[in-house]
Protein backbone atom coordinates (compact mmCIF):
# COMPACT_ATOMS: atom_id res chain seq x y z
CA MET A 1 -4.18 -5.81 12.96
CA PRO A 2 -5.31 -9.27 10.82
CA ASN A 3 -3.14 -10.66 8.06
CA ARG A 4 -5.17 -8.54 5.33
CA LEU A 5 -1.80 -6.22 6.16
CA ARG A 6 0.37 -8.56 5.04
CA GLY A 7 1.75 -9.44 1.76
CA LEU A 8 1.76 -7.76 -1.54
CA TYR A 9 0.43 -4.37 -1.06
CA ALA A 10 -0.87 -3.12 -5.00
CA ILE A 11 -0.27 0.39 -5.81
CA THR A 12 -2.78 1.44 -9.22
CA PRO A 13 -0.45 3.24 -11.37
CA GLU A 14 -1.40 6.79 -12.98
CA THR A 15 -3.25 6.34 -16.02
CA PRO A 16 -5.61 7.68 -18.25
CA ASP A 17 -7.28 4.27 -19.39
CA GLY A 18 -9.78 3.38 -16.32
CA GLU A 19 -11.14 0.10 -18.02
CA ARG A 20 -7.10 -1.23 -18.27
CA LEU A 21 -6.60 0.02 -14.74
CA LEU A 22 -9.42 -2.54 -13.54
CA ALA A 23 -8.39 -5.08 -15.96
CA ASP A 24 -4.78 -4.84 -14.23
CA VAL A 25 -6.17 -4.74 -10.84
CA GLU A 26 -8.50 -7.60 -11.36
CA ALA A 27 -5.07 -9.60 -12.92
CA ALA A 28 -3.37 -9.01 -9.46
CA LEU A 29 -6.23 -10.33 -7.20
CA ALA A 30 -6.53 -12.93 -9.51
CA GLY A 31 -2.60 -13.60 -8.53
CA GLY A 32 -3.56 -13.50 -4.78
CA CYS A 33 -2.84 -10.20 -4.04
CA ARG A 34 -5.63 -8.83 -0.99
CA ILE A 35 -4.23 -5.56 -0.66
CA VAL A 36 -5.16 -2.30 -3.23
CA GLN A 37 -4.19 1.45 -3.18
CA TYR A 38 -6.03 3.39 -5.06
CA ARG A 39 -3.66 6.45 -6.06
CA ASP A 40 -4.46 8.86 -8.55
CA LYS A 41 -3.25 12.53 -8.70
CA THR A 42 -4.34 13.27 -12.65
CA SER A 43 -7.77 12.12 -13.22
CA PRO A 44 -10.45 14.45 -13.05
CA PRO A 45 -12.38 14.13 -9.66
CA GLN A 46 -15.57 12.29 -11.44
CA GLU A 47 -13.43 10.06 -12.87
CA ARG A 48 -11.61 9.51 -9.77
CA VAL A 49 -15.18 8.41 -7.84
CA ALA A 50 -16.13 6.31 -10.66
CA ARG A 51 -12.84 4.10 -10.57
CA ALA A 52 -12.92 4.35 -6.64
CA HIS A 53 -16.54 2.50 -6.72
CA ALA A 54 -15.88 0.19 -9.52
CA LEU A 55 -12.13 -0.92 -7.54
CA ARG A 56 -14.32 -1.21 -4.31
CA ARG A 57 -16.42 -3.44 -6.17
CA LEU A 58 -13.87 -5.44 -7.31
CA THR A 59 -11.99 -6.05 -4.34
CA ARG A 60 -15.10 -6.93 -2.53
CA SER A 61 -15.42 -9.96 -4.91
CA ARG A 62 -12.23 -10.68 -4.07
CA ASP A 63 -12.94 -10.50 -0.45
CA ALA A 64 -9.82 -7.66 -0.43
CA THR A 65 -8.99 -4.84 0.83
CA LEU A 66 -9.12 -1.34 -0.82
CA VAL A 67 -7.32 1.56 0.76
CA ILE A 68 -7.65 5.20 -0.62
CA ASN A 69 -4.83 7.55 -0.82
CA ASP A 70 -5.00 10.92 0.25
CA ASP A 71 -8.28 11.72 0.07
CA MET A 72 -10.85 10.99 3.02
CA ALA A 73 -13.59 11.76 1.52
CA LEU A 74 -13.48 9.75 -1.37
CA ALA A 75 -12.73 6.72 0.85
CA PHE A 76 -16.68 7.20 2.82
CA LEU A 77 -17.97 8.16 -0.58
CA ALA A 78 -16.40 4.55 -1.83
CA ASN A 79 -16.78 2.89 1.46
CA ALA A 80 -12.96 1.90 1.28
CA ASP A 81 -11.28 -0.02 3.99
CA GLY A 82 -9.25 2.52 4.85
CA LEU A 83 -7.09 5.53 3.93
CA HIS A 84 -3.49 6.70 3.62
CA LEU A 85 -1.76 9.70 3.98
CA GLY A 86 1.25 11.30 3.23
CA HIS A 87 3.50 13.71 5.58
CA GLU A 88 1.55 16.79 4.22
CA ASP A 89 -1.89 14.95 2.94
CA GLY A 90 -3.30 15.55 6.76
CA ASN A 91 -3.61 15.19 10.42
CA LEU A 92 -3.03 11.69 11.28
CA ALA A 93 -5.02 11.94 14.59
CA ALA A 94 -7.73 13.46 12.97
CA ALA A 95 -7.81 11.02 10.03
CA ARG A 96 -8.27 8.11 13.16
CA ALA A 97 -10.83 10.09 14.86
CA ILE A 98 -12.88 10.33 11.51
CA LEU A 99 -12.28 7.15 9.76
CA GLY A 100 -13.01 5.35 13.50
CA PRO A 101 -11.80 1.75 14.50
CA GLY A 102 -13.17 -0.08 12.01
CA ARG A 103 -11.00 1.35 8.93
CA ILE A 104 -7.25 0.88 8.30
CA LEU A 105 -5.09 3.81 8.63
CA GLY A 106 -1.42 4.04 6.79
CA ALA A 107 1.22 6.66 7.08
CA SER A 108 4.19 7.46 4.55
CA CYS A 109 6.90 7.75 7.01
CA TYR A 110 9.63 8.14 4.35
CA ALA A 111 12.94 7.63 6.21
CA ASP A 112 12.03 8.89 9.39
CA PHE A 113 11.77 6.50 12.38
CA SER A 114 10.67 8.95 15.02
CA ALA A 115 7.46 9.76 12.60
CA ALA A 116 6.91 5.80 12.63
CA GLN A 117 6.62 6.00 16.19
CA LYS A 118 4.49 8.74 16.39
CA ALA A 119 2.23 7.55 13.74
CA SER A 120 2.24 4.37 15.34
CA MET A 121 1.24 5.77 18.63
CA THR A 122 -1.19 8.54 16.97
CA GLY A 123 -3.07 5.39 15.94
CA ALA A 124 -1.76 4.04 12.54
CA ASP A 125 -2.27 0.71 11.41
CA TYR A 126 0.61 0.30 9.33
CA VAL A 127 3.90 3.17 8.65
CA ALA A 128 5.37 2.81 4.92
CA PHE A 129 9.24 3.78 4.79
CA GLY A 130 10.75 4.40 1.46
CA ALA A 131 11.55 4.95 -1.01
CA VAL A 132 13.67 1.21 0.35
CA TYR A 133 15.24 1.50 -4.02
CA PRO A 134 15.53 3.98 -6.28
CA SER A 135 11.55 4.30 -7.67
CA PRO A 136 10.93 5.44 -11.13
CA THR A 137 7.64 6.72 -9.74
CA LYS A 138 9.10 8.82 -7.32
CA PRO A 139 13.22 9.18 -8.48
CA ASN A 140 13.71 12.11 -6.33
CA ALA A 141 12.32 10.63 -3.06
CA GLN A 142 14.93 9.99 0.03
CA SER A 143 16.72 6.84 0.98
CA ALA A 144 14.92 4.57 3.54
CA ALA A 145 17.57 1.82 5.23
CA VAL A 146 16.72 -1.48 5.00
CA ASP A 147 17.35 -1.64 8.74
CA LEU A 148 14.69 0.71 9.45
CA PHE A 149 12.38 -2.80 9.47
CA PHE A 150 14.55 -4.42 11.67
CA ARG A 151 13.94 -1.69 14.21
CA ALA A 152 10.58 -1.73 13.92
CA LYS A 153 10.21 -4.94 14.61
CA SER A 154 11.24 -4.07 18.71
CA GLY A 155 10.24 -0.43 18.51
CA LEU A 156 7.13 -0.37 16.88
CA SER A 157 3.32 -1.57 17.40
CA ALA A 158 2.49 -0.80 13.75
CA THR A 159 2.64 -2.93 10.70
CA THR A 160 5.39 -1.70 8.35
CA CYS A 161 5.50 -1.46 4.85
CA ALA A 162 8.13 -1.21 2.35
CA ILE A 163 7.52 0.96 -0.70
CA GLY A 164 10.17 2.35 -3.52
CA GLY A 165 11.90 0.25 -6.36
CA ILE A 166 10.75 -2.79 -5.19
CA THR A 167 11.28 -6.39 -7.62
CA LEU A 168 10.90 -9.89 -6.84
CA ALA A 169 14.82 -9.91 -6.75
CA ASN A 170 14.84 -7.59 -3.77
CA ALA A 171 11.83 -8.62 -1.97
CA PRO A 172 13.06 -11.35 0.20
CA ALA A 173 15.66 -9.07 2.21
CA LEU A 174 12.73 -6.77 2.88
CA ILE A 175 10.38 -9.58 4.30
CA ALA A 176 13.61 -11.07 5.94
CA ALA A 177 14.07 -7.72 7.38
CA GLY A 178 10.71 -8.06 8.67
CA ALA A 179 8.39 -5.70 6.20
CA ASP A 180 5.16 -7.12 6.51
CA LEU A 181 3.93 -5.34 3.05
CA LEU A 182 5.66 -4.65 -0.02
CA ALA A 183 4.04 -2.01 -1.56
CA VAL A 184 4.88 -2.24 -5.55
CA ILE A 185 3.56 -0.50 -8.68
CA THR A 186 5.86 -0.57 -11.78
CA ASP A 187 7.45 -3.69 -11.00
CA LEU A 188 3.83 -5.41 -10.84
CA PHE A 189 1.69 -3.53 -13.43
CA SER A 190 4.27 -3.53 -15.96
CA ALA A 191 4.81 -7.29 -16.20
CA PRO A 192 4.07 -9.22 -18.85
CA ASP A 193 1.87 -11.41 -16.74
CA ILE A 194 0.11 -9.30 -13.88
CA ALA A 195 -1.36 -12.13 -12.12
CA ASN A 196 1.64 -14.53 -12.51
CA ARG A 197 3.82 -11.39 -10.92
CA ALA A 198 1.15 -11.02 -7.87
CA ALA A 199 1.32 -14.90 -7.38
CA ALA A 200 5.37 -14.45 -7.06
CA TYR A 201 5.23 -12.28 -4.58
CA GLN A 202 2.69 -13.74 -2.42
CA ARG A 203 4.67 -17.17 -2.56
CA LEU A 204 7.30 -15.00 -1.32
CA PHE A 205 5.77 -14.42 2.19
CA GLU A 206 4.04 -18.00 2.26
CA GLU A 207 7.95 -19.39 1.93
CA ALA A 208 8.83 -17.03 4.96
CA GLN A 209 6.70 -18.08 7.64
CA PRO A 210 7.63 -19.46 10.63
């Protein structure tokens, strides 16, 4: 996959304030983030459609990638670049067939390396392991060991994504282990300066380039 699947992966937080959400995502993009996942489990359907379209316009203006969480129909309605599916969100093979080769397909694999191998063979462009650290978003999530990323270097063709409790302090260890993407919610969108926080994450990847 191209370099759009490397770097900070901004996952949108749950919020009733759509305008604030767009402003915060715009700040992350201004800081250099180039891939955004719209994750929204609580807003009414009409609001989710409106937000997805607004995020599509925003990411396109920054030459950034937009992925929709767990909603194939919404991904097509917004003309998003891809779709992310959890373990119980749908069949990966069917999703790959519907999306076609031009859109990104991501899969949550938690701490299950065999699931990641299967997802990779089924056509997932990236597989996400997590929670790698305790996460305020999913406090009961199963813990995923950092050595999964070392294993993935030789055992998977898909890009790897780390998610769960990621901060600037623990991010370097994940990048060194081989994580291509760092999916961040709280440490990014709760930062006092979102643009600067996004830029700091991007610098970690630049500094890690061979």
